[in-house]
Amino acid sequence: MKMISKKLDSVVLHNISWEQFENILENLGQTRGSRVAYYEGTLEIMTPLPEHEYYKELISMAIEDIAEVLERDYECYGSTTWKKKIKEAGLEPDNCFYFQNAAKIRGKLKFNLSQDPPPDLALEIDITSKSLNRFLIYARLGVPEIWSYEEGELKIYLLQDNQYVEVENSLVFPELPIKEILFVIEEYRTVSRLAMRKAIRQWAKEKLRKDFI
C-alpha cells in the first residue's frame, strides 16, 4: 500500500488489492462523511466540501420533487457503495436513484451487481479535481445515466458502447429540459428551502403544460 498524494479534500492510495479495498471499507464503516472510489488498484478517499454538499442536496431534492410532479416511481439509495470485483471497480456516488428498475429492487437492503441492476441514475458533484476518472468506474458498473454538476453547469451523460456521451435530454425525465433546473436553484439560492422546492415543482408543471400546448 502506497500513498501517492494527499490534498485537503482527498487521499489517494496506490497498489491496493481488492481484499485491501474491502478491508478499508469495513474499517471506515458506514457512519462517515468521506466518499471512496476504486479502480484497478487505485483508491481515492475524498472528504466533501460545503459547496459540494450544498449542490448535492439541492439537485437530489430537485430530482425527487420532479419525480413526484411527474408521478414517477423511484427509489433513492444515497451514497451506497457499488462495486464489482471482476471489474476491479467500485465507488460511492453523491446520490443514486432507481427509476426504470425501481420495482425490481424495491425493499432490498443488500445488493450484488452480478445479479441486481445498477442504479438508473447517478449524481456526481464535481467541485474539486478528482484523481480517479469516475466515469470509467461507472461504465464498468453499468450505470446508464449520470448527472454531473461541474463549473456551474448541470451536464447529462448516457452510457453508449461502454463510454459516456454528453446529451441534452435525460432518459429518466425525457419530458423536461433538465439542465434548466440550475436556473431555478440559483434564483432561489438565498431564500428558504421550502420556497425553492415549490419553485422547482412549479417549473416542472409549467414545462409540462407547454409541451401539451
N, C-alpha and C. Protein backbone atom coordinates (compact mmCIF):
# COMPACT_ATOMS: atom_id res chain seq x y z
N MET A 1 0.85 -1.18 0.00
CA MET A 1 0.00 0.00 0.00
C MET A 1 0.89 1.24 0.00
N LYS A 2 0.63 2.16 -0.91
CA LYS A 2 1.50 3.33 -1.03
C LYS A 2 0.65 4.58 -1.22
N MET A 3 0.88 5.57 -0.36
CA MET A 3 0.18 6.83 -0.53
C MET A 3 0.88 7.62 -1.62
N ILE A 4 0.16 8.04 -2.65
CA ILE A 4 0.81 8.77 -3.73
C ILE A 4 0.49 10.26 -3.71
N SER A 5 -0.60 10.63 -3.04
CA SER A 5 -0.88 12.06 -2.93
C SER A 5 -1.86 12.32 -1.81
N LYS A 6 -1.81 13.53 -1.29
CA LYS A 6 -2.74 13.93 -0.24
C LYS A 6 -3.05 15.40 -0.41
N LYS A 7 -4.35 15.72 -0.47
CA LYS A 7 -4.79 17.10 -0.55
C LYS A 7 -5.70 17.37 0.64
N LEU A 8 -6.19 18.61 0.73
CA LEU A 8 -7.07 18.95 1.83
C LEU A 8 -8.34 18.11 1.80
N ASP A 9 -8.78 17.73 0.59
CA ASP A 9 -10.05 17.05 0.49
C ASP A 9 -9.95 15.60 0.04
N SER A 10 -8.74 15.09 -0.19
CA SER A 10 -8.65 13.70 -0.66
C SER A 10 -7.30 13.07 -0.36
N VAL A 11 -7.33 11.75 -0.29
CA VAL A 11 -6.13 10.94 -0.16
C VAL A 11 -6.20 9.86 -1.22
N VAL A 12 -5.08 9.63 -1.93
CA VAL A 12 -5.04 8.61 -2.97
C VAL A 12 -4.02 7.55 -2.58
N LEU A 13 -4.46 6.29 -2.62
CA LEU A 13 -3.60 5.16 -2.31
C LEU A 13 -3.42 4.31 -3.56
N HIS A 14 -2.19 3.87 -3.77
CA HIS A 14 -1.87 3.08 -4.95
C HIS A 14 -1.54 1.64 -4.56
N ASN A 15 -1.64 0.75 -5.52
CA ASN A 15 -1.32 -0.67 -5.30
C ASN A 15 -2.18 -1.29 -4.20
N ILE A 16 -3.46 -1.04 -4.26
CA ILE A 16 -4.41 -1.57 -3.29
C ILE A 16 -5.11 -2.78 -3.92
N SER A 17 -4.98 -3.93 -3.29
CA SER A 17 -5.67 -5.11 -3.80
C SER A 17 -7.16 -5.01 -3.50
N TRP A 18 -7.95 -5.86 -4.15
CA TRP A 18 -9.38 -5.86 -3.90
C TRP A 18 -9.68 -6.21 -2.44
N GLU A 19 -8.92 -7.14 -1.89
CA GLU A 19 -9.11 -7.53 -0.50
C GLU A 19 -8.80 -6.37 0.44
N GLN A 20 -7.75 -5.61 0.13
CA GLN A 20 -7.43 -4.44 0.94
C GLN A 20 -8.53 -3.38 0.83
N PHE A 21 -9.04 -3.22 -0.37
CA PHE A 21 -10.15 -2.28 -0.58
C PHE A 21 -11.35 -2.67 0.28
N GLU A 22 -11.70 -3.94 0.28
CA GLU A 22 -12.81 -4.42 1.11
C GLU A 22 -12.54 -4.17 2.59
N ASN A 23 -11.32 -4.42 3.03
CA ASN A 23 -10.97 -4.21 4.44
C ASN A 23 -11.03 -2.73 4.82
N ILE A 24 -10.58 -1.87 3.91
CA ILE A 24 -10.63 -0.43 4.18
C ILE A 24 -12.07 0.03 4.30
N LEU A 25 -12.93 -0.47 3.42
CA LEU A 25 -14.36 -0.12 3.51
C LEU A 25 -14.92 -0.54 4.87
N GLU A 26 -14.58 -1.74 5.30
CA GLU A 26 -15.09 -2.24 6.58
C GLU A 26 -14.56 -1.40 7.73
N ASN A 27 -13.29 -1.02 7.67
CA ASN A 27 -12.70 -0.23 8.75
C ASN A 27 -13.25 1.20 8.78
N LEU A 28 -13.53 1.74 7.61
CA LEU A 28 -14.08 3.08 7.56
C LEU A 28 -15.48 3.12 8.14
N GLY A 29 -16.22 2.02 7.96
CA GLY A 29 -17.58 1.95 8.49
C GLY A 29 -18.57 2.74 7.65
N GLN A 30 -19.81 2.72 8.04
CA GLN A 30 -20.87 3.37 7.29
C GLN A 30 -21.20 4.76 7.82
N THR A 31 -20.82 5.06 9.04
CA THR A 31 -21.12 6.36 9.63
C THR A 31 -19.94 7.30 9.43
N ARG A 32 -19.76 7.72 8.19
CA ARG A 32 -18.63 8.60 7.85
C ARG A 32 -19.06 9.58 6.77
N GLY A 33 -18.30 10.67 6.64
CA GLY A 33 -18.65 11.66 5.63
C GLY A 33 -17.84 11.53 4.36
N SER A 34 -16.83 10.68 4.35
CA SER A 34 -15.97 10.56 3.18
C SER A 34 -16.60 9.69 2.11
N ARG A 35 -16.12 9.85 0.86
CA ARG A 35 -16.55 9.04 -0.27
C ARG A 35 -15.34 8.31 -0.82
N VAL A 36 -15.54 7.08 -1.30
CA VAL A 36 -14.43 6.32 -1.84
C VAL A 36 -14.69 5.97 -3.30
N ALA A 37 -13.60 5.80 -4.03
CA ALA A 37 -13.66 5.32 -5.42
C ALA A 37 -12.45 4.42 -5.64
N TYR A 38 -12.68 3.30 -6.34
CA TYR A 38 -11.61 2.32 -6.55
C TYR A 38 -11.59 1.92 -8.01
N TYR A 39 -10.39 1.88 -8.59
CA TYR A 39 -10.26 1.50 -9.99
C TYR A 39 -8.88 0.87 -10.23
N GLU A 40 -8.90 -0.41 -10.53
CA GLU A 40 -7.68 -1.14 -10.90
C GLU A 40 -6.51 -0.89 -9.95
N GLY A 41 -6.77 -1.01 -8.65
CA GLY A 41 -5.70 -0.92 -7.66
C GLY A 41 -5.46 0.45 -7.07
N THR A 42 -6.15 1.47 -7.58
CA THR A 42 -6.01 2.82 -7.02
C THR A 42 -7.26 3.18 -6.25
N LEU A 43 -7.07 3.65 -5.03
CA LEU A 43 -8.17 4.01 -4.15
C LEU A 43 -8.09 5.49 -3.80
N GLU A 44 -9.20 6.19 -3.97
CA GLU A 44 -9.28 7.60 -3.59
C GLU A 44 -10.33 7.76 -2.50
N ILE A 45 -9.96 8.45 -1.44
CA ILE A 45 -10.88 8.75 -0.35
C ILE A 45 -11.03 10.26 -0.28
N MET A 46 -12.26 10.74 -0.50
CA MET A 46 -12.50 12.18 -0.55
C MET A 46 -13.40 12.63 0.59
N THR A 47 -13.12 13.81 1.11
CA THR A 47 -13.97 14.44 2.12
C THR A 47 -14.70 15.60 1.46
N PRO A 48 -16.03 15.55 1.34
CA PRO A 48 -16.78 16.60 0.65
C PRO A 48 -16.66 17.96 1.33
N LEU A 49 -16.59 19.00 0.49
CA LEU A 49 -16.56 20.38 0.98
C LEU A 49 -17.99 20.91 1.07
N PRO A 50 -18.22 22.01 1.81
CA PRO A 50 -19.57 22.54 1.96
C PRO A 50 -20.28 22.83 0.64
N GLU A 51 -19.58 23.41 -0.34
CA GLU A 51 -20.20 23.70 -1.63
C GLU A 51 -20.67 22.41 -2.30
N HIS A 52 -19.85 21.39 -2.19
CA HIS A 52 -20.18 20.09 -2.75
C HIS A 52 -21.48 19.56 -2.15
N GLU A 53 -21.59 19.58 -0.83
CA GLU A 53 -22.76 19.07 -0.14
C GLU A 53 -24.00 19.91 -0.44
N TYR A 54 -23.80 21.20 -0.60
CA TYR A 54 -24.93 22.09 -0.89
C TYR A 54 -25.60 21.70 -2.21
N TYR A 55 -24.82 21.59 -3.28
CA TYR A 55 -25.39 21.26 -4.58
C TYR A 55 -25.86 19.81 -4.65
N LYS A 56 -25.19 18.94 -3.92
CA LYS A 56 -25.67 17.54 -3.86
C LYS A 56 -27.08 17.49 -3.31
N GLU A 57 -27.31 18.19 -2.21
CA GLU A 57 -28.62 18.16 -1.57
C GLU A 57 -29.68 18.82 -2.45
N LEU A 58 -29.35 19.95 -3.06
CA LEU A 58 -30.35 20.67 -3.84
C LEU A 58 -30.72 19.93 -5.12
N ILE A 59 -29.75 19.38 -5.83
CA ILE A 59 -30.07 18.66 -7.06
C ILE A 59 -30.79 17.36 -6.73
N SER A 60 -30.39 16.70 -5.66
CA SER A 60 -31.10 15.49 -5.24
C SER A 60 -32.55 15.81 -4.89
N MET A 61 -32.74 16.91 -4.20
CA MET A 61 -34.08 17.36 -3.84
C MET A 61 -34.90 17.64 -5.10
N ALA A 62 -34.27 18.26 -6.08
CA ALA A 62 -34.96 18.58 -7.33
C ALA A 62 -35.39 17.30 -8.06
N ILE A 63 -34.53 16.30 -8.05
CA ILE A 63 -34.87 15.02 -8.70
C ILE A 63 -36.12 14.43 -8.06
N GLU A 64 -36.18 14.44 -6.75
CA GLU A 64 -37.33 13.87 -6.05
C GLU A 64 -38.59 14.70 -6.27
N ASP A 65 -38.46 16.02 -6.26
CA ASP A 65 -39.62 16.87 -6.49
C ASP A 65 -40.17 16.69 -7.90
N ILE A 66 -39.28 16.62 -8.89
CA ILE A 66 -39.71 16.44 -10.28
C ILE A 66 -40.39 15.08 -10.44
N ALA A 67 -39.82 14.06 -9.81
CA ALA A 67 -40.41 12.72 -9.90
C ALA A 67 -41.84 12.72 -9.35
N GLU A 68 -42.05 13.45 -8.27
CA GLU A 68 -43.38 13.49 -7.68
C GLU A 68 -44.36 14.26 -8.57
N VAL A 69 -43.89 15.35 -9.19
CA VAL A 69 -44.75 16.09 -10.12
C VAL A 69 -45.16 15.20 -11.29
N LEU A 70 -44.21 14.41 -11.78
CA LEU A 70 -44.48 13.53 -12.92
C LEU A 70 -45.15 12.23 -12.49
N GLU A 71 -45.32 12.07 -11.17
CA GLU A 71 -45.86 10.82 -10.61
C GLU A 71 -45.04 9.63 -11.09
N ARG A 72 -43.73 9.81 -11.04
CA ARG A 72 -42.77 8.79 -11.47
C ARG A 72 -42.24 8.05 -10.24
N ASP A 73 -42.45 6.77 -10.19
CA ASP A 73 -42.00 5.98 -9.05
C ASP A 73 -40.48 5.88 -9.05
N TYR A 74 -39.88 5.89 -7.87
CA TYR A 74 -38.42 5.82 -7.78
C TYR A 74 -38.00 5.29 -6.42
N GLU A 75 -36.73 4.90 -6.34
CA GLU A 75 -36.08 4.55 -5.08
C GLU A 75 -34.75 5.27 -5.03
N CYS A 76 -34.41 5.78 -3.86
CA CYS A 76 -33.15 6.52 -3.69
C CYS A 76 -32.24 5.76 -2.73
N TYR A 77 -30.97 5.57 -3.13
CA TYR A 77 -30.03 4.82 -2.29
C TYR A 77 -28.79 5.63 -1.91
N GLY A 78 -28.87 6.96 -2.01
CA GLY A 78 -27.81 7.82 -1.50
C GLY A 78 -26.42 7.46 -1.98
N SER A 79 -25.49 7.41 -1.03
CA SER A 79 -24.09 7.12 -1.36
C SER A 79 -23.72 5.67 -1.05
N THR A 80 -24.61 4.76 -1.43
CA THR A 80 -24.34 3.33 -1.29
C THR A 80 -23.03 2.97 -2.00
N THR A 81 -22.29 2.04 -1.45
CA THR A 81 -21.07 1.55 -2.11
C THR A 81 -21.44 0.52 -3.17
N TRP A 82 -21.15 0.84 -4.43
CA TRP A 82 -21.40 -0.07 -5.54
C TRP A 82 -20.07 -0.61 -6.03
N LYS A 83 -19.98 -1.92 -6.24
CA LYS A 83 -18.68 -2.49 -6.61
C LYS A 83 -18.86 -3.78 -7.38
N LYS A 84 -17.85 -4.06 -8.21
CA LYS A 84 -17.78 -5.32 -8.97
C LYS A 84 -16.34 -5.80 -8.93
N LYS A 85 -16.11 -6.89 -8.22
CA LYS A 85 -14.75 -7.41 -8.10
C LYS A 85 -14.17 -7.77 -9.45
N ILE A 86 -14.98 -8.43 -10.29
CA ILE A 86 -14.47 -8.89 -11.58
C ILE A 86 -14.08 -7.71 -12.48
N LYS A 87 -14.67 -6.54 -12.23
CA LYS A 87 -14.34 -5.34 -13.00
C LYS A 87 -13.28 -4.47 -12.33
N GLU A 88 -12.87 -4.86 -11.10
CA GLU A 88 -11.90 -4.07 -10.32
C GLU A 88 -12.35 -2.62 -10.21
N ALA A 89 -13.62 -2.44 -9.90
CA ALA A 89 -14.17 -1.09 -9.85
C ALA A 89 -15.20 -0.97 -8.74
N GLY A 90 -15.20 0.17 -8.09
CA GLY A 90 -16.18 0.43 -7.05
C GLY A 90 -16.19 1.91 -6.70
N LEU A 91 -17.32 2.41 -6.28
CA LEU A 91 -17.40 3.81 -5.84
C LEU A 91 -18.66 4.05 -5.04
N GLU A 92 -18.70 5.25 -4.46
CA GLU A 92 -19.88 5.74 -3.75
C GLU A 92 -20.30 7.05 -4.42
N PRO A 93 -21.42 7.05 -5.12
CA PRO A 93 -21.88 8.28 -5.78
C PRO A 93 -22.31 9.32 -4.76
N ASP A 94 -22.48 10.54 -5.22
CA ASP A 94 -23.03 11.55 -4.33
C ASP A 94 -24.49 11.26 -4.03
N ASN A 95 -25.17 10.67 -5.00
CA ASN A 95 -26.52 10.15 -4.77
C ASN A 95 -26.84 9.24 -5.95
N CYS A 96 -27.82 8.37 -5.78
CA CYS A 96 -28.20 7.49 -6.88
C CYS A 96 -29.66 7.11 -6.74
N PHE A 97 -30.27 6.82 -7.89
CA PHE A 97 -31.70 6.56 -7.93
C PHE A 97 -32.01 5.40 -8.87
N TYR A 98 -33.07 4.70 -8.52
CA TYR A 98 -33.66 3.72 -9.43
C TYR A 98 -34.98 4.30 -9.93
N PHE A 99 -35.17 4.30 -11.23
CA PHE A 99 -36.43 4.69 -11.85
C PHE A 99 -36.96 3.55 -12.70
N GLN A 100 -36.27 3.27 -13.80
CA GLN A 100 -36.70 2.19 -14.69
C GLN A 100 -36.74 0.84 -13.97
N ASN A 101 -35.80 0.63 -13.06
CA ASN A 101 -35.70 -0.65 -12.35
C ASN A 101 -36.18 -0.57 -10.90
N ALA A 102 -36.96 0.46 -10.59
CA ALA A 102 -37.38 0.65 -9.19
C ALA A 102 -38.15 -0.54 -8.65
N ALA A 103 -39.04 -1.09 -9.45
CA ALA A 103 -39.86 -2.20 -8.97
C ALA A 103 -39.02 -3.45 -8.70
N LYS A 104 -37.92 -3.61 -9.43
CA LYS A 104 -37.09 -4.81 -9.28
C LYS A 104 -36.33 -4.83 -7.97
N ILE A 105 -36.02 -3.66 -7.44
CA ILE A 105 -35.15 -3.63 -6.26
C ILE A 105 -35.86 -3.12 -5.01
N ARG A 106 -37.13 -2.79 -5.13
CA ARG A 106 -37.85 -2.18 -4.00
C ARG A 106 -37.77 -3.05 -2.75
N GLY A 107 -37.36 -2.42 -1.66
CA GLY A 107 -37.27 -3.12 -0.39
C GLY A 107 -35.94 -3.81 -0.14
N LYS A 108 -35.05 -3.82 -1.14
CA LYS A 108 -33.77 -4.51 -0.95
C LYS A 108 -32.83 -3.67 -0.07
N LEU A 109 -32.11 -4.35 0.79
CA LEU A 109 -31.13 -3.69 1.65
C LEU A 109 -29.71 -4.13 1.36
N LYS A 110 -29.56 -5.18 0.55
CA LYS A 110 -28.24 -5.64 0.14
C LYS A 110 -28.26 -5.88 -1.37
N PHE A 111 -27.14 -5.55 -2.01
CA PHE A 111 -27.08 -5.65 -3.46
C PHE A 111 -25.85 -6.43 -3.91
N ASN A 112 -25.99 -7.10 -5.01
CA ASN A 112 -24.89 -7.79 -5.69
C ASN A 112 -25.03 -7.46 -7.16
N LEU A 113 -24.13 -6.65 -7.69
CA LEU A 113 -24.27 -6.18 -9.06
C LEU A 113 -24.05 -7.27 -10.11
N SER A 114 -23.66 -8.45 -9.68
CA SER A 114 -23.62 -9.56 -10.62
C SER A 114 -25.03 -10.13 -10.85
N GLN A 115 -25.95 -9.74 -9.97
CA GLN A 115 -27.34 -10.21 -10.08
C GLN A 115 -28.35 -9.07 -10.15
N ASP A 116 -28.08 -7.99 -9.42
CA ASP A 116 -29.01 -6.87 -9.37
C ASP A 116 -28.62 -5.79 -10.38
N PRO A 117 -29.60 -5.05 -10.90
CA PRO A 117 -29.26 -3.95 -11.80
C PRO A 117 -28.60 -2.81 -11.05
N PRO A 118 -27.68 -2.07 -11.68
CA PRO A 118 -27.10 -0.90 -11.04
C PRO A 118 -28.13 0.23 -11.00
N PRO A 119 -27.86 1.30 -10.26
CA PRO A 119 -28.79 2.43 -10.27
C PRO A 119 -29.01 2.95 -11.69
N ASP A 120 -30.22 3.45 -11.94
CA ASP A 120 -30.53 4.01 -13.25
C ASP A 120 -29.93 5.40 -13.44
N LEU A 121 -29.72 6.09 -12.34
CA LEU A 121 -29.21 7.46 -12.39
C LEU A 121 -28.26 7.69 -11.23
N ALA A 122 -27.08 8.23 -11.54
CA ALA A 122 -26.11 8.60 -10.50
C ALA A 122 -25.85 10.10 -10.58
N LEU A 123 -25.66 10.71 -9.42
CA LEU A 123 -25.36 12.13 -9.34
C LEU A 123 -23.93 12.33 -8.88
N GLU A 124 -23.19 13.14 -9.64
CA GLU A 124 -21.81 13.47 -9.29
C GLU A 124 -21.66 14.98 -9.19
N ILE A 125 -21.15 15.44 -8.07
CA ILE A 125 -20.89 16.87 -7.88
C ILE A 125 -19.38 17.07 -8.00
N ASP A 126 -18.95 17.70 -9.07
CA ASP A 126 -17.52 17.83 -9.36
C ASP A 126 -17.06 19.24 -9.03
N ILE A 127 -16.81 19.48 -7.74
CA ILE A 127 -16.35 20.80 -7.27
C ILE A 127 -14.84 20.89 -7.31
N THR A 128 -14.16 19.83 -6.91
CA THR A 128 -12.70 19.81 -6.91
C THR A 128 -12.22 18.72 -7.86
N SER A 129 -10.98 18.85 -8.29
CA SER A 129 -10.43 17.86 -9.21
C SER A 129 -10.25 16.52 -8.50
N LYS A 130 -10.65 15.46 -9.19
CA LYS A 130 -10.55 14.12 -8.63
C LYS A 130 -9.44 13.36 -9.34
N SER A 131 -8.72 12.56 -8.58
CA SER A 131 -7.60 11.82 -9.17
C SER A 131 -8.09 10.66 -10.03
N LEU A 132 -9.20 10.05 -9.66
CA LEU A 132 -9.74 8.94 -10.42
C LEU A 132 -10.85 9.41 -11.35
N ASN A 133 -10.85 8.88 -12.57
CA ASN A 133 -11.92 9.16 -13.52
C ASN A 133 -13.13 8.32 -13.15
N ARG A 134 -14.10 8.94 -12.51
CA ARG A 134 -15.26 8.19 -12.05
C ARG A 134 -16.12 7.66 -13.19
N PHE A 135 -16.06 8.28 -14.34
CA PHE A 135 -16.85 7.80 -15.46
C PHE A 135 -16.39 6.40 -15.88
N LEU A 136 -15.10 6.15 -15.80
CA LEU A 136 -14.60 4.82 -16.13
C LEU A 136 -15.16 3.78 -15.16
N ILE A 137 -15.27 4.17 -13.90
CA ILE A 137 -15.81 3.25 -12.89
C ILE A 137 -17.30 3.02 -13.12
N TYR A 138 -18.03 4.10 -13.35
CA TYR A 138 -19.46 3.96 -13.60
C TYR A 138 -19.73 3.07 -14.82
N ALA A 139 -18.90 3.23 -15.85
CA ALA A 139 -19.08 2.42 -17.06
C ALA A 139 -18.91 0.94 -16.75
N ARG A 140 -17.93 0.61 -15.92
CA ARG A 140 -17.71 -0.80 -15.56
C ARG A 140 -18.85 -1.34 -14.69
N LEU A 141 -19.48 -0.45 -13.95
CA LEU A 141 -20.61 -0.88 -13.13
C LEU A 141 -21.91 -0.93 -13.94
N GLY A 142 -21.91 -0.28 -15.10
CA GLY A 142 -23.07 -0.33 -15.98
C GLY A 142 -24.17 0.66 -15.67
N VAL A 143 -23.84 1.78 -15.01
CA VAL A 143 -24.84 2.80 -14.70
C VAL A 143 -25.21 3.54 -15.98
N PRO A 144 -26.48 3.54 -16.39
CA PRO A 144 -26.83 4.08 -17.71
C PRO A 144 -26.83 5.60 -17.83
N GLU A 145 -26.98 6.31 -16.70
CA GLU A 145 -27.09 7.77 -16.80
C GLU A 145 -26.41 8.44 -15.61
N ILE A 146 -25.68 9.53 -15.91
CA ILE A 146 -25.02 10.33 -14.89
C ILE A 146 -25.41 11.78 -15.07
N TRP A 147 -25.78 12.43 -13.96
CA TRP A 147 -25.91 13.88 -13.95
C TRP A 147 -24.68 14.42 -13.21
N SER A 148 -23.97 15.30 -13.86
CA SER A 148 -22.73 15.84 -13.29
C SER A 148 -22.81 17.35 -13.18
N TYR A 149 -22.70 17.84 -11.94
CA TYR A 149 -22.63 19.28 -11.73
C TYR A 149 -21.16 19.68 -11.75
N GLU A 150 -20.79 20.51 -12.71
CA GLU A 150 -19.39 20.94 -12.81
C GLU A 150 -19.32 22.34 -13.40
N GLU A 151 -18.54 23.19 -12.76
CA GLU A 151 -18.30 24.56 -13.22
C GLU A 151 -19.60 25.32 -13.45
N GLY A 152 -20.54 25.17 -12.54
CA GLY A 152 -21.78 25.91 -12.63
C GLY A 152 -22.77 25.38 -13.63
N GLU A 153 -22.52 24.22 -14.20
CA GLU A 153 -23.43 23.63 -15.18
C GLU A 153 -23.85 22.23 -14.75
N LEU A 154 -25.05 21.86 -15.16
CA LEU A 154 -25.52 20.51 -14.97
C LEU A 154 -25.44 19.79 -16.32
N LYS A 155 -24.62 18.76 -16.38
CA LYS A 155 -24.43 18.03 -17.63
C LYS A 155 -25.01 16.62 -17.49
N ILE A 156 -25.55 16.13 -18.59
CA ILE A 156 -26.18 14.81 -18.61
C ILE A 156 -25.37 13.90 -19.52
N TYR A 157 -25.05 12.72 -19.01
CA TYR A 157 -24.27 11.75 -19.77
C TYR A 157 -25.00 10.42 -19.81
N LEU A 158 -25.02 9.81 -20.98
CA LEU A 158 -25.60 8.48 -21.15
C LEU A 158 -24.53 7.49 -21.56
N LEU A 159 -24.66 6.27 -21.06
CA LEU A 159 -23.69 5.22 -21.37
C LEU A 159 -24.01 4.63 -22.75
N GLN A 160 -23.07 4.77 -23.67
CA GLN A 160 -23.22 4.24 -25.03
C GLN A 160 -21.93 3.56 -25.44
N ASP A 161 -22.04 2.26 -25.77
CA ASP A 161 -20.86 1.48 -26.16
C ASP A 161 -19.74 1.58 -25.12
N ASN A 162 -20.13 1.42 -23.85
CA ASN A 162 -19.19 1.39 -22.72
C ASN A 162 -18.47 2.71 -22.46
N GLN A 163 -19.00 3.80 -22.97
CA GLN A 163 -18.44 5.11 -22.62
C GLN A 163 -19.57 6.14 -22.55
N TYR A 164 -19.32 7.20 -21.81
CA TYR A 164 -20.36 8.19 -21.59
C TYR A 164 -20.29 9.31 -22.62
N VAL A 165 -21.47 9.62 -23.14
CA VAL A 165 -21.62 10.67 -24.14
C VAL A 165 -22.53 11.75 -23.57
N GLU A 166 -22.10 13.01 -23.66
CA GLU A 166 -22.94 14.10 -23.17
C GLU A 166 -24.12 14.31 -24.10
N VAL A 167 -25.30 14.44 -23.51
CA VAL A 167 -26.54 14.61 -24.28
C VAL A 167 -27.35 15.76 -23.70
N GLU A 168 -28.41 16.13 -24.42
CA GLU A 168 -29.27 17.22 -23.96
C GLU A 168 -30.40 16.72 -23.07
N ASN A 169 -30.91 15.53 -23.35
CA ASN A 169 -32.10 15.05 -22.66
C ASN A 169 -31.81 13.83 -21.79
N SER A 170 -32.49 13.79 -20.66
CA SER A 170 -32.34 12.70 -19.71
C SER A 170 -33.21 11.51 -20.09
N LEU A 171 -32.72 10.31 -19.85
CA LEU A 171 -33.55 9.12 -20.02
C LEU A 171 -34.62 9.04 -18.93
N VAL A 172 -34.27 9.52 -17.76
CA VAL A 172 -35.18 9.45 -16.62
C VAL A 172 -36.34 10.43 -16.78
N PHE A 173 -36.04 11.66 -17.20
CA PHE A 173 -37.06 12.69 -17.39
C PHE A 173 -36.99 13.26 -18.81
N PRO A 174 -37.31 12.48 -19.82
CA PRO A 174 -37.18 12.97 -21.20
C PRO A 174 -38.14 14.11 -21.52
N GLU A 175 -39.18 14.30 -20.71
CA GLU A 175 -40.19 15.33 -20.97
C GLU A 175 -39.70 16.73 -20.66
N LEU A 176 -38.62 16.84 -19.89
CA LEU A 176 -38.21 18.15 -19.36
C LEU A 176 -36.80 18.55 -19.78
N PRO A 177 -36.55 19.84 -19.95
CA PRO A 177 -35.19 20.35 -20.20
C PRO A 177 -34.43 20.43 -18.87
N ILE A 178 -33.97 19.30 -18.41
CA ILE A 178 -33.45 19.15 -17.05
C ILE A 178 -32.35 20.15 -16.70
N LYS A 179 -31.53 20.50 -17.65
CA LYS A 179 -30.41 21.40 -17.32
C LYS A 179 -30.90 22.74 -16.78
N GLU A 180 -32.13 23.09 -17.08
CA GLU A 180 -32.66 24.39 -16.65
C GLU A 180 -32.93 24.45 -15.14
N ILE A 181 -32.94 23.31 -14.47
CA ILE A 181 -33.24 23.38 -13.03
C ILE A 181 -32.18 24.16 -12.27
N LEU A 182 -30.98 24.27 -12.82
CA LEU A 182 -29.95 25.07 -12.15
C LEU A 182 -30.33 26.54 -12.10
N PHE A 183 -31.06 27.02 -13.12
CA PHE A 183 -31.51 28.42 -13.10
C PHE A 183 -32.46 28.65 -11.92
N VAL A 184 -33.31 27.68 -11.68
CA VAL A 184 -34.25 27.78 -10.55
C VAL A 184 -33.48 27.74 -9.24
N ILE A 185 -32.54 26.82 -9.14
CA ILE A 185 -31.75 26.69 -7.91
C ILE A 185 -30.99 27.98 -7.61
N GLU A 186 -30.37 28.57 -8.64
CA GLU A 186 -29.60 29.79 -8.42
C GLU A 186 -30.51 30.96 -8.08
N GLU A 187 -31.68 31.03 -8.72
CA GLU A 187 -32.60 32.13 -8.45
C GLU A 187 -33.10 32.12 -7.01
N TYR A 188 -33.28 30.92 -6.46
CA TYR A 188 -33.84 30.79 -5.12
C TYR A 188 -32.80 30.43 -4.07
N ARG A 189 -31.53 30.57 -4.41
CA ARG A 189 -30.47 30.11 -3.51
C ARG A 189 -30.43 30.87 -2.19
N THR A 190 -30.85 32.12 -2.20
CA THR A 190 -30.76 32.93 -0.97
C THR A 190 -32.08 32.98 -0.21
N VAL A 191 -33.07 32.22 -0.66
CA VAL A 191 -34.34 32.19 0.06
C VAL A 191 -34.49 30.84 0.74
N SER A 192 -35.66 30.57 1.25
CA SER A 192 -35.84 29.36 2.03
C SER A 192 -35.85 28.11 1.16
N ARG A 193 -35.52 26.99 1.78
CA ARG A 193 -35.53 25.71 1.08
C ARG A 193 -36.96 25.37 0.62
N LEU A 194 -37.94 25.71 1.43
CA LEU A 194 -39.32 25.43 1.06
C LEU A 194 -39.71 26.20 -0.20
N ALA A 195 -39.30 27.46 -0.27
CA ALA A 195 -39.61 28.27 -1.45
C ALA A 195 -38.95 27.69 -2.69
N MET A 196 -37.74 27.19 -2.54
CA MET A 196 -37.05 26.58 -3.67
C MET A 196 -37.78 25.33 -4.14
N ARG A 197 -38.22 24.51 -3.23
CA ARG A 197 -38.90 23.27 -3.60
C ARG A 197 -40.21 23.59 -4.34
N LYS A 198 -40.91 24.59 -3.85
CA LYS A 198 -42.14 24.99 -4.53
C LYS A 198 -41.84 25.50 -5.93
N ALA A 199 -40.74 26.24 -6.08
CA ALA A 199 -40.37 26.79 -7.38
C ALA A 199 -40.00 25.68 -8.36
N ILE A 200 -39.28 24.67 -7.89
CA ILE A 200 -38.89 23.56 -8.76
C ILE A 200 -40.13 22.80 -9.23
N ARG A 201 -41.06 22.56 -8.33
CA ARG A 201 -42.29 21.87 -8.70
C ARG A 201 -43.09 22.69 -9.71
N GLN A 202 -43.15 24.01 -9.46
CA GLN A 202 -43.89 24.87 -10.38
C GLN A 202 -43.23 24.90 -11.75
N TRP A 203 -41.89 24.94 -11.77
CA TRP A 203 -41.15 24.91 -13.04
C TRP A 203 -41.49 23.65 -13.83
N ALA A 204 -41.48 22.51 -13.15
CA ALA A 204 -41.77 21.24 -13.83
C ALA A 204 -43.19 21.24 -14.39
N LYS A 205 -44.16 21.75 -13.63
CA LYS A 205 -45.55 21.78 -14.09
C LYS A 205 -45.70 22.69 -15.30
N GLU A 206 -45.03 23.85 -15.27
CA GLU A 206 -45.14 24.79 -16.40
C GLU A 206 -44.50 24.22 -17.66
N LYS A 207 -43.37 23.55 -17.51
CA LYS A 207 -42.72 22.94 -18.68
C LYS A 207 -43.60 21.84 -19.28
N LEU A 208 -44.25 21.08 -18.42
CA LEU A 208 -45.14 20.03 -18.92
C LEU A 208 -46.33 20.60 -19.65
N ARG A 209 -46.90 21.71 -19.12
CA ARG A 209 -48.04 22.34 -19.77
C ARG A 209 -47.67 22.84 -21.16
N LYS A 210 -46.47 23.42 -21.29
CA LYS A 210 -46.02 23.93 -22.58
C LYS A 210 -45.91 22.82 -23.61
N ASP A 211 -45.51 21.63 -23.16
CA ASP A 211 -45.38 20.50 -24.07
C ASP A 211 -46.73 20.06 -24.63
N PHE A 212 -47.80 20.32 -23.86
CA PHE A 212 -49.13 19.88 -24.28
C PHE A 212 -49.86 20.93 -25.11
N ILE A 213 -49.30 22.15 -25.14
CA ILE A 213 -49.94 23.21 -25.92
C ILE A 213 -49.64 23.05 -27.41
